[in-house]
Amino acid sequence: MTVQHEAPPPEAAEALEVWIDQDLCTGDGICAQYAPDVFELDIDGLAYVKSADDELLQEPGATTPVPLPLLRDVVDSAKECPGDCIHVRRVSDSVEVYGPDAE
C-alpha cells in the first residue's frame, strides 16, 4: 500500500518571515490560537510576533522567522485574521506570499 503525502507549498523551500501591523490588529487572538509559538497577545490587547527564544517583539515592523513545521498554522492565521494585519513574506526578496499584500 502506497501512502501519498501532501506536497508542501512551494514557499516551504524558501525562508519566510512574519510580522504584524499593530495599527490594524483587532486583538481577536486568532493568530495566538493557531500558532502560539509564533504569536502572542500583549497586555495592550494587540498581537505581536515572538522570537525563536519566546521573546515578545514589540518594535513596529518586527519580524520573526516562520518555522517550517508551523507554516500551515501561520498561513491559516494570516487567512483568518479579521484585521488583515498578518504579513508573511520571503526573506530573500521581501515579497509577501500570504497576507493582505500578497500577489
C-alpha atoms as a PDB file:
ATOM      1  CA  MET A   1       0.000   0.000   0.000  1.00  0.00           C
ATOM      2  CA  THR A   2       1.445   3.321  -1.070  1.00  0.00           C
ATOM      3  CA  VAL A   3       0.964   6.307   1.200  1.00  0.00           C
ATOM      4  CA  GLN A   4       0.758   9.629  -0.574  1.00  0.00           C
ATOM      5  CA  HIS A   5       1.847  12.698   1.294  1.00  0.00           C
ATOM      6  CA  GLU A   6       0.529  16.140   0.527  1.00  0.00           C
ATOM      7  CA  ALA A   7       3.238  18.180  -1.173  1.00  0.00           C
ATOM      8  CA  PRO A   8       4.397  21.195   0.817  1.00  0.00           C
ATOM      9  CA  PRO A   9       3.547  24.585  -0.655  1.00  0.00           C
ATOM     10  CA  PRO A  10       6.255  25.983  -2.982  1.00  0.00           C
ATOM     11  CA  GLU A  11       7.126  28.587  -0.350  1.00  0.00           C
ATOM     12  CA  ALA A  12       8.148  25.827   2.065  1.00  0.00           C
ATOM     13  CA  ALA A  13      11.518  25.552   0.334  1.00  0.00           C
ATOM     14  CA  GLU A  14      12.236  29.227   0.975  1.00  0.00           C
ATOM     15  CA  ALA A  15      12.903  31.029   4.224  1.00  0.00           C
ATOM     16  CA  LEU A  16       9.848  33.013   5.314  1.00  0.00           C
ATOM     17  CA  GLU A  17       9.294  35.631   7.989  1.00  0.00           C
ATOM     18  CA  VAL A  18       6.138  37.056   9.513  1.00  0.00           C
ATOM     19  CA  TRP A  19       5.199  40.392  11.026  1.00  0.00           C
ATOM     20  CA  ILE A  20       2.046  42.028  12.366  1.00  0.00           C
ATOM     21  CA  ASP A  21       0.785  45.540  11.674  1.00  0.00           C
ATOM     22  CA  GLN A  22      -0.458  46.504  15.154  1.00  0.00           C
ATOM     23  CA  ASP A  23      -2.287  49.533  13.700  1.00  0.00           C
ATOM     24  CA  LEU A  24      -4.716  47.083  12.079  1.00  0.00           C
ATOM     25  CA  CYS A  25      -4.767  44.424  14.817  1.00  0.00           C
ATOM     26  CA  THR A  26      -8.230  43.838  16.300  1.00  0.00           C
ATOM     27  CA  GLY A  27      -6.881  41.893  19.282  1.00  0.00           C
ATOM     28  CA  ASP A  28      -9.080  38.930  18.361  1.00  0.00           C
ATOM     29  CA  GLY A  29      -6.303  36.458  19.179  1.00  0.00           C
ATOM     30  CA  ILE A  30      -6.974  34.007  16.354  1.00  0.00           C
ATOM     31  CA  CYS A  31      -3.281  34.064  15.468  1.00  0.00           C
ATOM     32  CA  ALA A  32      -2.250  33.097  19.005  1.00  0.00           C
ATOM     33  CA  GLN A  33      -4.763  30.242  18.911  1.00  0.00           C
ATOM     34  CA  TYR A  34      -3.433  28.902  15.600  1.00  0.00           C
ATOM     35  CA  ALA A  35       0.285  29.405  16.273  1.00  0.00           C
ATOM     36  CA  PRO A  36       1.040  30.196  19.944  1.00  0.00           C
ATOM     37  CA  ASP A  37       4.751  29.562  19.350  1.00  0.00           C
ATOM     38  CA  VAL A  38       4.817  32.466  16.874  1.00  0.00           C
ATOM     39  CA  PHE A  39       2.138  34.933  18.069  1.00  0.00           C
ATOM     40  CA  GLU A  40       1.097  36.288  21.454  1.00  0.00           C
ATOM     41  CA  LEU A  41      -1.314  38.918  22.732  1.00  0.00           C
ATOM     42  CA  ASP A  42       0.345  41.515  24.939  1.00  0.00           C
ATOM     43  CA  ILE A  43      -1.082  43.451  27.867  1.00  0.00           C
ATOM     44  CA  ASP A  44      -2.174  46.167  25.396  1.00  0.00           C
ATOM     45  CA  GLY A  45      -4.552  43.640  23.795  1.00  0.00           C
ATOM     46  CA  LEU A  46      -2.669  43.529  20.491  1.00  0.00           C
ATOM     47  CA  ALA A  47      -0.883  40.605  18.861  1.00  0.00           C
ATOM     48  CA  TYR A  48       2.877  40.503  18.359  1.00  0.00           C
ATOM     49  CA  VAL A  49       5.333  38.013  16.902  1.00  0.00           C
ATOM     50  CA  LYS A  50       7.770  36.197  19.149  1.00  0.00           C
ATOM     51  CA  SER A  51      11.432  35.438  18.637  1.00  0.00           C
ATOM     52  CA  ALA A  52      12.737  31.880  18.487  1.00  0.00           C
ATOM     53  CA  ASP A  53      13.550  32.141  22.211  1.00  0.00           C
ATOM     54  CA  ASP A  54       9.927  33.137  23.038  1.00  0.00           C
ATOM     55  CA  GLU A  55      10.628  36.868  23.497  1.00  0.00           C
ATOM     56  CA  LEU A  56       7.787  39.223  22.515  1.00  0.00           C
ATOM     57  CA  LEU A  57       8.965  41.539  19.713  1.00  0.00           C
ATOM     58  CA  GLN A  58       7.159  44.841  20.232  1.00  0.00           C
ATOM     59  CA  GLU A  59       9.067  47.095  17.851  1.00  0.00           C
ATOM     60  CA  PRO A  60       6.867  48.248  14.932  1.00  0.00           C
ATOM     61  CA  GLY A  61       7.509  46.007  11.923  1.00  0.00           C
ATOM     62  CA  ALA A  62       9.456  43.417  13.934  1.00  0.00           C
ATOM     63  CA  THR A  63       9.740  40.128  12.048  1.00  0.00           C
ATOM     64  CA  THR A  64      10.376  36.568  13.124  1.00  0.00           C
ATOM     65  CA  PRO A  65      11.245  33.501  11.045  1.00  0.00           C
ATOM     66  CA  VAL A  66       8.388  31.124  10.234  1.00  0.00           C
ATOM     67  CA  PRO A  67       9.406  27.651  11.426  1.00  0.00           C
ATOM     68  CA  LEU A  68       8.639  25.145   8.658  1.00  0.00           C
ATOM     69  CA  PRO A  69       6.602  22.849  10.953  1.00  0.00           C
ATOM     70  CA  LEU A  70       4.357  25.842  11.783  1.00  0.00           C
ATOM     71  CA  LEU A  71       3.995  27.201   8.247  1.00  0.00           C
ATOM     72  CA  ARG A  72       0.418  25.959   7.772  1.00  0.00           C
ATOM     73  CA  ASP A  73      -0.648  27.408  11.171  1.00  0.00           C
ATOM     74  CA  VAL A  74       0.924  30.788  10.373  1.00  0.00           C
ATOM     75  CA  VAL A  75      -0.706  30.835   6.917  1.00  0.00           C
ATOM     76  CA  ASP A  76      -4.086  29.953   8.443  1.00  0.00           C
ATOM     77  CA  SER A  77      -3.601  32.771  10.954  1.00  0.00           C
ATOM     78  CA  ALA A  78      -2.993  35.245   8.132  1.00  0.00           C
ATOM     79  CA  LYS A  79      -6.032  33.994   6.205  1.00  0.00           C
ATOM     80  CA  GLU A  80      -8.390  34.061   9.206  1.00  0.00           C
ATOM     81  CA  CYS A  81      -7.202  37.327  10.776  1.00  0.00           C
ATOM     82  CA  PRO A  82     -10.165  39.748  10.953  1.00  0.00           C
ATOM     83  CA  GLY A  83      -7.822  42.741  10.900  1.00  0.00           C
ATOM     84  CA  ASP A  84      -5.863  41.572   7.829  1.00  0.00           C
ATOM     85  CA  CYS A  85      -2.712  42.553   9.712  1.00  0.00           C
ATOM     86  CA  ILE A  86      -0.516  39.429   9.431  1.00  0.00           C
ATOM     87  CA  HIS A  87       2.108  39.555   6.698  1.00  0.00           C
ATOM     88  CA  VAL A  88       4.190  36.536   5.609  1.00  0.00           C
ATOM     89  CA  ARG A  89       6.999  37.291   3.194  1.00  0.00           C
ATOM     90  CA  ARG A  90      10.039  35.658   1.649  1.00  0.00           C
ATOM     91  CA  VAL A  91      13.268  36.628   3.346  1.00  0.00           C
ATOM     92  CA  SER A  92      15.209  36.610   0.058  1.00  0.00           C
ATOM     93  CA  ASP A  93      13.284  39.421  -1.654  1.00  0.00           C
ATOM     94  CA  SER A  94      10.698  40.632   0.929  1.00  0.00           C
ATOM     95  CA  VAL A  95       7.803  39.681  -1.366  1.00  0.00           C
ATOM     96  CA  GLU A  96       4.622  38.973   0.595  1.00  0.00           C
ATOM     97  CA  VAL A  97       3.333  35.472  -0.102  1.00  0.00           C
ATOM     98  CA  TYR A  98       0.456  35.400   2.415  1.00  0.00           C
ATOM     99  CA  GLY A  99      -1.479  38.278   3.903  1.00  0.00           C
ATOM    100  CA  PRO A 100      -3.287  41.393   2.695  1.00  0.00           C
ATOM    101  CA  ASP A 101      -0.491  42.470   0.314  1.00  0.00           C
ATOM    102  CA  ALA A 102       0.152  39.032  -1.229  1.00  0.00           C
ATOM    103  CA  GLU A 103       0.031  38.920  -5.011  1.00  0.00           C
END
